[in-house]
Every structure is written in structure tokens, then in C-alpha cells.
């Protein structure tokens, strides 16, 4: 049976751990608000550029951008995997990577080769462990995502698709629902499907004047549209990361409190048993005299 000194040492150790998890919970709560504000601020731009891209694609059916052309000859699929750089955020990364693994097995079963771009250390480490082909990566993004750091690696897959070297590109990330719920999401980034470019039926139909020409405008717009999707996914993932970390650290702090309570109960029982034993020995000695 553990002695009182050993139990006191365990209590002190768990109390120190609780202080750390409590501090991390407070830091995550502070960062979560900023990440959510950044995510909500990016959504209107993403929605607006989607509507403009949809209207332009419908207004000029004689020109089809390569991003909207379905290809099936390359037998190669690309993935953009968005995860966190750090851990301690519950099962968030695990759920996303599980969804990725299921899709990769399905595509490999159909005879497709796979290659990936990793955004975040956790995804990069996972892809290296399963010996997946990583063509580019972006890590250590910090608390604020910057588009110039994201587009370089992702452009490798975009250019490959435009050249006909890829049949499709998928995007895997964690979508922010609310503070308590984050949803792993897999969507088809390329080719751009009709449902993602769906025109709002209540919106007015606009006629556009193109300068310098329709091909240049649509080419630039759809590239910006894909970039907006990438940025929005990273912003959603960062908001989900801070929310998941706050919840995980709160759960760890609560569990540490429960462990401390149980250890203090064991300590008191041990101390009382030692006192009772000493009293019994004193009474027994007095009786013998």
C-alpha cells in the first residue's frame, strides 16, 4: 500500500498538470474567438466570388475553363490535406485522417495513383507514415493563415490538373459547426461541380462586359475562386482546432480534479489507518503492562 508521502507526491504532480491544462484552456479560448472572427469574415467573400463565378460560367457556355472539365484518362488523384500543426485538440485530426484513409482506399481499389499536398504538421506526418506521395507541403502557419503561404504548395496540384495529369483533386479539412462540434469534411475541389457553382434562383441575371476578354477574366476568376476555397478551409480548420483544444483541455482539467479528489480520499484513509494502528499498539501495550 502506498505511503502518505507517495500519495502527497502524486497529488502535487496532478495539481501541477491541472494548472498547465487550465492555462492551455484559457489560451485556446482567447485564440478561438479571433479564429472564429477570421473565419466568419472570410465567408462573405467566398460566397460572393462563388456567385460571380457561377453567373460568368452560365453567361459564357461557349468557353469552358479547364477546372470545369471532367478528366478520366490520367488515373491519378490529388488530395489537399488540411490538419493542425500541433496536437492536444482531441480527435479532430484523427477524424479527418480517418475520412481521408477511407477515400484513398476506395480510389486505390479503382486503380488510381494518389499524390497529396499537406497543410499542417499532423497531416504531413501521417502521409509520410503511410508512404503516400507528398508533392508539396506547408507547415508552421501560425495563428493567422496567409494566402501566399498556401497557394504555392496547392498550385502544384492545380497546374497538374490543368495539364491533364490529374483526374480530380479533393480537399480534406475540419468544418467548424459550433464550439462543441467540428465536422470532418471531404469535398471535390476539381473539377468544379455544378452544385458548387449553383446560381441563386432569386438573384438577378447580369450581363457582363469583359476586359480584356472573356477567357482571361474567367481564368483569373476561377483561380481566385479555388484559392478562396483553400483559404476558407484553412480558416475553418483553425477555428475548429482552437475550439477542440479548449474543450479537450477543459476535459483534462476536470479529470485532473477528479483524480485529485480520489487521491486525497486515499491519502486520508491511509493516514487514518496509520493513526488507528498506532492507537491500537498503545492500547495493547498499556493492557500488557
Protein backbone atom coordinates (compact mmCIF):
# COMPACT_ATOMS: atom_id res chain seq x y z
CA UNK A 1 0.00 0.00 0.00
CA UNK A 2 1.29 3.47 -0.92
CA UNK A 3 2.58 5.58 1.93
CA UNK A 4 1.31 9.06 2.75
CA UNK A 5 4.42 10.70 1.30
CA UNK A 6 4.00 8.92 -2.06
CA UNK A 7 0.33 9.91 -2.27
CA UNK A 8 1.17 13.54 -1.45
CA UNK A 9 3.71 13.49 -4.27
CA UNK A 10 1.10 12.17 -6.72
CA UNK A 11 -1.39 14.84 -5.62
CA UNK A 12 1.20 17.56 -6.18
CA UNK A 13 2.04 16.18 -9.62
CA UNK A 14 -1.60 16.07 -10.74
CA UNK A 15 -2.17 19.59 -9.37
CA UNK A 16 0.74 20.87 -11.47
CA UNK A 17 -0.71 19.14 -14.54
CA UNK A 18 -4.09 20.72 -13.85
CA UNK A 19 -2.51 24.18 -13.75
CA UNK A 20 -0.99 23.56 -17.19
CA UNK A 21 -4.21 22.27 -18.77
CA UNK A 22 -6.18 25.15 -17.24
CA UNK A 23 -3.75 27.68 -18.70
CA UNK A 24 -3.91 26.00 -22.11
CA UNK A 25 -7.70 26.05 -21.95
CA UNK A 26 -7.69 29.81 -21.33
CA UNK A 27 -5.20 30.42 -24.15
CA UNK A 28 -7.27 28.33 -26.57
CA UNK A 29 -10.44 30.19 -25.58
CA UNK A 30 -8.75 33.50 -26.36
CA UNK A 31 -7.43 32.31 -29.72
CA UNK A 32 -10.76 30.64 -30.57
CA UNK A 33 -12.61 33.96 -30.65
CA UNK A 34 -10.08 35.50 -33.02
CA UNK A 35 -10.09 32.42 -35.25
CA UNK A 36 -13.89 32.42 -35.42
CA UNK A 37 -13.96 36.10 -36.31
CA UNK A 38 -11.42 35.49 -39.07
CA UNK A 39 -13.43 32.55 -40.40
CA UNK A 40 -16.73 34.48 -40.40
CA UNK A 41 -15.04 37.45 -42.08
CA UNK A 42 -13.85 35.23 -44.95
CA UNK A 43 -17.24 33.64 -45.63
CA UNK A 44 -18.92 36.62 -47.38
CA UNK A 45 -16.04 36.90 -49.87
CA UNK A 46 -16.16 33.16 -50.53
CA UNK A 47 -19.93 33.25 -51.10
CA UNK A 48 -19.75 36.33 -53.33
CA UNK A 49 -16.98 35.03 -55.57
CA UNK A 50 -18.88 31.74 -55.92
CA UNK A 51 -21.97 33.61 -57.16
CA UNK A 52 -19.94 35.70 -59.60
CA UNK A 53 -18.13 32.60 -60.88
CA UNK A 54 -21.45 30.81 -61.31
CA UNK A 55 -23.00 33.69 -63.24
CA UNK A 56 -19.97 34.04 -65.50
CA UNK A 57 -19.83 30.31 -66.22
CA UNK A 58 -23.53 30.32 -67.19
CA UNK A 59 -23.23 33.51 -69.22
CA UNK A 60 -20.50 32.09 -71.50
CA UNK A 61 -21.27 28.47 -72.29
CA UNK A 62 -19.08 28.64 -75.43
CA UNK A 63 -15.96 28.81 -73.22
CA UNK A 64 -15.24 26.15 -70.61
CA UNK A 65 -12.41 26.60 -68.15
CA UNK A 66 -10.14 23.54 -67.63
CA UNK A 67 -11.17 23.47 -63.95
CA UNK A 68 -14.72 22.60 -65.04
CA UNK A 69 -13.74 19.83 -67.48
CA UNK A 70 -14.03 16.28 -66.17
CA UNK A 71 -10.99 14.12 -66.94
CA UNK A 72 -10.67 10.36 -66.63
CA UNK A 73 -7.52 9.48 -68.57
CA UNK A 74 -4.71 10.15 -66.09
CA UNK A 75 -5.79 7.64 -63.43
CA UNK A 76 -4.21 9.84 -60.78
CA UNK A 77 -5.98 11.70 -57.95
CA UNK A 78 -4.70 14.58 -55.84
CA UNK A 79 -5.54 15.45 -52.24
CA UNK A 80 -5.14 18.67 -50.27
CA UNK A 81 -4.99 17.58 -46.61
CA UNK A 82 -5.57 20.37 -44.07
CA UNK A 83 -4.68 19.50 -40.46
CA UNK A 84 -3.16 21.26 -37.46
CA UNK A 85 0.50 21.89 -36.71
CA UNK A 86 0.07 20.99 -33.03
CA UNK A 87 -1.74 18.30 -31.10
CA UNK A 88 -3.76 18.30 -27.88
CA UNK A 89 -7.01 19.02 -29.75
CA UNK A 90 -8.92 15.81 -29.10
CA UNK A 91 -9.84 13.54 -32.00
CA UNK A 92 -10.11 16.34 -34.57
CA UNK A 93 -7.16 15.33 -36.74
CA UNK A 94 -7.88 11.63 -36.25
CA UNK A 95 -11.41 12.00 -37.63
CA UNK A 96 -10.22 13.92 -40.70
CA UNK A 97 -7.42 11.47 -41.43
CA UNK A 98 -9.78 8.53 -41.00
CA UNK A 99 -12.08 10.07 -43.63
CA UNK A 100 -9.06 10.61 -45.88
CA UNK A 101 -7.91 7.00 -45.46
CA UNK A 102 -11.33 5.63 -46.41
CA UNK A 103 -11.41 7.72 -49.61
CA UNK A 104 -7.83 6.82 -50.52
CA UNK A 105 -8.53 3.10 -50.17
CA UNK A 106 -11.63 3.47 -52.32
CA UNK A 107 -9.72 5.26 -55.10
CA UNK A 108 -6.76 2.89 -54.92
CA UNK A 109 -9.19 -0.01 -55.29
CA UNK A 110 -10.31 1.57 -58.57
CA UNK A 111 -6.73 1.55 -59.86
CA UNK A 112 -5.87 5.22 -59.28
CA UNK A 113 -2.48 6.55 -58.20
CA UNK A 114 -2.51 9.13 -55.42
CA UNK A 115 -0.49 12.20 -54.51
CA UNK A 116 -1.08 14.80 -51.84
CA UNK A 117 -0.31 18.28 -50.58
CA UNK A 118 -0.13 18.53 -46.79
CA UNK A 119 -1.10 21.72 -44.95
CA UNK A 120 -0.14 21.19 -41.31
CA UNK A 121 2.41 19.03 -39.49
CA UNK A 122 -0.04 16.34 -38.38
CA UNK A 123 -1.21 15.61 -41.91
CA UNK A 124 2.36 15.64 -43.24
CA UNK A 125 3.48 13.15 -40.60
CA UNK A 126 0.53 10.87 -41.32
CA UNK A 127 1.11 10.89 -45.08
CA UNK A 128 4.79 10.08 -44.55
CA UNK A 129 3.91 7.19 -42.23
CA UNK A 130 1.61 5.58 -44.81
CA UNK A 131 4.24 6.20 -47.56
CA UNK A 132 1.93 8.43 -49.58
CA UNK A 133 3.45 10.61 -52.30
CA UNK A 134 3.69 14.16 -50.92
CA UNK A 135 4.41 16.62 -53.74
CA UNK A 136 4.37 19.77 -51.54
CA UNK A 137 3.59 20.88 -48.02
CA UNK A 138 3.01 23.98 -45.90
CA UNK A 139 3.61 23.89 -42.16
CA UNK A 140 4.06 26.32 -39.24
CA UNK A 141 1.32 28.64 -40.47
CA UNK A 142 0.90 30.23 -37.04
CA UNK A 143 -2.40 31.54 -35.75
CA UNK A 144 -3.16 33.60 -38.87
CA UNK A 145 -3.30 31.91 -42.30
CA UNK A 146 -1.69 33.83 -45.16
CA UNK A 147 -2.80 33.10 -48.71
CA UNK A 148 0.69 33.46 -50.15
CA UNK A 149 1.93 30.58 -47.98
CA UNK A 150 -0.97 28.34 -49.03
CA UNK A 151 -1.22 28.88 -52.76
CA UNK A 152 2.35 27.88 -53.61
CA UNK A 153 2.03 24.24 -52.49
CA UNK A 154 -1.58 23.88 -53.70
CA UNK A 155 -0.70 25.32 -57.12
CA UNK A 156 1.31 22.16 -57.80
CA UNK A 157 -1.94 20.17 -57.92
CA UNK A 158 -3.87 22.92 -59.73
CA UNK A 159 -1.28 23.08 -62.51
CA UNK A 160 -1.16 19.28 -62.75
CA UNK A 161 -4.93 19.14 -63.16
CA UNK A 162 -4.91 21.88 -65.77
CA UNK A 163 -2.27 19.96 -67.74
CA UNK A 164 -4.35 16.77 -67.62
CA UNK A 165 -2.03 14.91 -65.23
CA UNK A 166 -4.78 14.52 -62.58
CA UNK A 167 -8.37 13.32 -62.89
CA UNK A 168 -9.62 15.06 -59.73
CA UNK A 169 -8.46 16.98 -56.67
CA UNK A 170 -10.08 16.51 -53.26
CA UNK A 171 -9.92 18.77 -50.21
CA UNK A 172 -9.97 17.34 -46.68
CA UNK A 173 -10.40 19.61 -43.65
CA UNK A 174 -12.46 20.06 -40.47
CA UNK A 175 -15.51 22.28 -40.83
CA UNK A 176 -16.45 24.49 -37.90
CA UNK A 177 -20.08 23.97 -36.82
CA UNK A 178 -20.01 25.41 -33.32
CA UNK A 179 -17.76 25.43 -30.27
CA UNK A 180 -18.73 21.89 -29.28
CA UNK A 181 -18.96 20.36 -32.76
CA UNK A 182 -16.46 20.18 -35.59
CA UNK A 183 -17.18 18.06 -38.65
CA UNK A 184 -14.55 16.31 -40.82
CA UNK A 185 -15.25 17.24 -44.42
CA UNK A 186 -14.13 15.86 -47.78
CA UNK A 187 -15.16 17.77 -50.91
CA UNK A 188 -14.21 17.63 -54.55
CA UNK A 189 -12.13 20.69 -55.33
CA UNK A 190 -11.58 19.91 -59.04
CA UNK A 191 -13.33 19.57 -61.38
CA UNK A 192 -15.69 22.24 -60.10
CA UNK A 193 -19.08 20.58 -59.89
CA UNK A 194 -22.32 22.25 -60.88
CA UNK A 195 -23.70 22.19 -57.33
CA UNK A 196 -20.73 24.23 -56.04
CA UNK A 197 -21.31 26.78 -58.81
CA UNK A 198 -25.06 26.84 -58.45
CA UNK A 199 -26.66 30.18 -59.26
CA UNK A 200 -29.04 31.62 -56.70
CA UNK A 201 -32.51 31.47 -58.37
CA UNK A 202 -33.61 34.60 -56.51
CA UNK A 203 -30.66 36.64 -57.79
CA UNK A 204 -30.86 38.91 -60.81
CA UNK A 205 -29.32 37.80 -64.10
CA UNK A 206 -26.44 40.09 -65.02
CA UNK A 207 -24.80 40.74 -68.35
CA UNK A 208 -21.08 41.41 -68.18
CA UNK A 209 -18.64 43.45 -70.23
CA UNK A 210 -15.26 41.73 -70.27
CA UNK A 211 -11.93 43.49 -70.37
CA UNK A 212 -9.63 42.38 -71.92
CA UNK A 213 -11.57 39.23 -72.96
CA UNK A 214 -13.84 36.54 -71.55
CA UNK A 215 -11.15 33.82 -71.35
CA UNK A 216 -8.78 35.96 -69.31
CA UNK A 217 -11.48 37.09 -66.91
CA UNK A 218 -12.91 33.60 -66.29
CA UNK A 219 -9.43 32.06 -65.98
CA UNK A 220 -8.45 34.57 -63.29
CA UNK A 221 -11.81 34.38 -61.53
CA UNK A 222 -11.90 30.59 -61.21
CA UNK A 223 -8.33 30.53 -59.93
CA UNK A 224 -9.33 33.11 -57.30
CA UNK A 225 -12.40 31.02 -56.51
CA UNK A 226 -10.29 27.92 -55.84
CA UNK A 227 -7.89 30.00 -53.74
CA UNK A 228 -10.86 31.28 -51.72
CA UNK A 229 -11.97 27.68 -51.08
CA UNK A 230 -8.48 26.77 -49.84
CA UNK A 231 -8.23 29.81 -47.58
CA UNK A 232 -11.73 29.25 -46.18
CA UNK A 233 -10.94 25.60 -45.42
CA UNK A 234 -7.77 26.59 -43.53
CA UNK A 235 -9.65 29.30 -41.59
CA UNK A 236 -12.39 26.80 -40.71
CA UNK A 237 -9.77 24.26 -39.63
CA UNK A 238 -8.02 26.79 -37.37
CA UNK A 239 -11.29 27.79 -35.71
CA UNK A 240 -12.08 24.09 -35.21
CA UNK A 241 -8.59 23.49 -33.78
CA UNK A 242 -8.90 26.13 -31.07
CA UNK A 243 -12.43 25.03 -30.16
CA UNK A 244 -11.41 21.37 -29.97
CA UNK A 245 -8.32 22.24 -27.91
CA UNK A 246 -10.34 24.34 -25.48
CA UNK A 247 -12.83 21.50 -24.98
CA UNK A 248 -10.05 18.91 -24.65
CA UNK A 249 -8.14 20.97 -22.09
CA UNK A 250 -11.31 21.64 -20.09
CA UNK A 251 -12.00 17.91 -20.03
CA UNK A 252 -8.40 17.27 -18.93
CA UNK A 253 -8.70 19.84 -16.14
CA UNK A 254 -11.96 18.29 -14.94
CA UNK A 255 -10.43 14.81 -15.00
CA UNK A 256 -7.39 16.08 -13.07
CA UNK A 257 -9.75 17.50 -10.43
CA UNK A 258 -11.46 14.12 -10.11
CA UNK A 259 -8.12 12.33 -9.77
CA UNK A 260 -7.02 14.80 -7.08
CA UNK A 261 -10.23 14.17 -5.15
CA UNK A 262 -9.74 10.40 -5.33
CA UNK A 263 -6.09 10.66 -4.26
CA UNK A 264 -6.98 12.88 -1.31
CA UNK A 265 -9.57 10.32 -0.22
CA UNK A 266 -6.97 7.54 -0.40
CA UNK A 267 -4.49 9.74 1.48
CA UNK A 268 -6.98 10.41 4.28
CA UNK A 269 -7.84 6.72 4.56
CA UNK A 270 -4.16 5.81 4.71
CA UNK A 271 -3.48 8.46 7.37
CA UNK A 272 -6.47 7.37 9.45
CA UNK A 273 -5.39 3.71 9.17
CA UNK A 274 -1.90 4.64 10.41
CA UNK A 275 -3.37 6.59 13.36
CA UNK A 276 -5.70 3.71 14.25
CA UNK A 277 -2.79 1.27 14.13
CA UNK A 278 -0.68 3.46 16.45
CA UNK A 279 -3.59 3.80 18.93
CA UNK A 280 -4.11 0.06 18.86
CA UNK A 281 -0.45 -0.53 19.63
CA UNK A 282 -0.54 1.97 22.51
CA UNK A 283 -3.70 0.40 23.99
CA UNK A 284 -2.25 -3.06 23.54
CA UNK A 285 0.98 -2.06 25.28
CA UNK A 286 -0.91 -0.48 28.19
CA UNK A 287 -3.07 -3.58 28.59
CA UNK A 288 0.02 -5.81 28.65
CA UNK A 289 1.54 -3.71 31.45
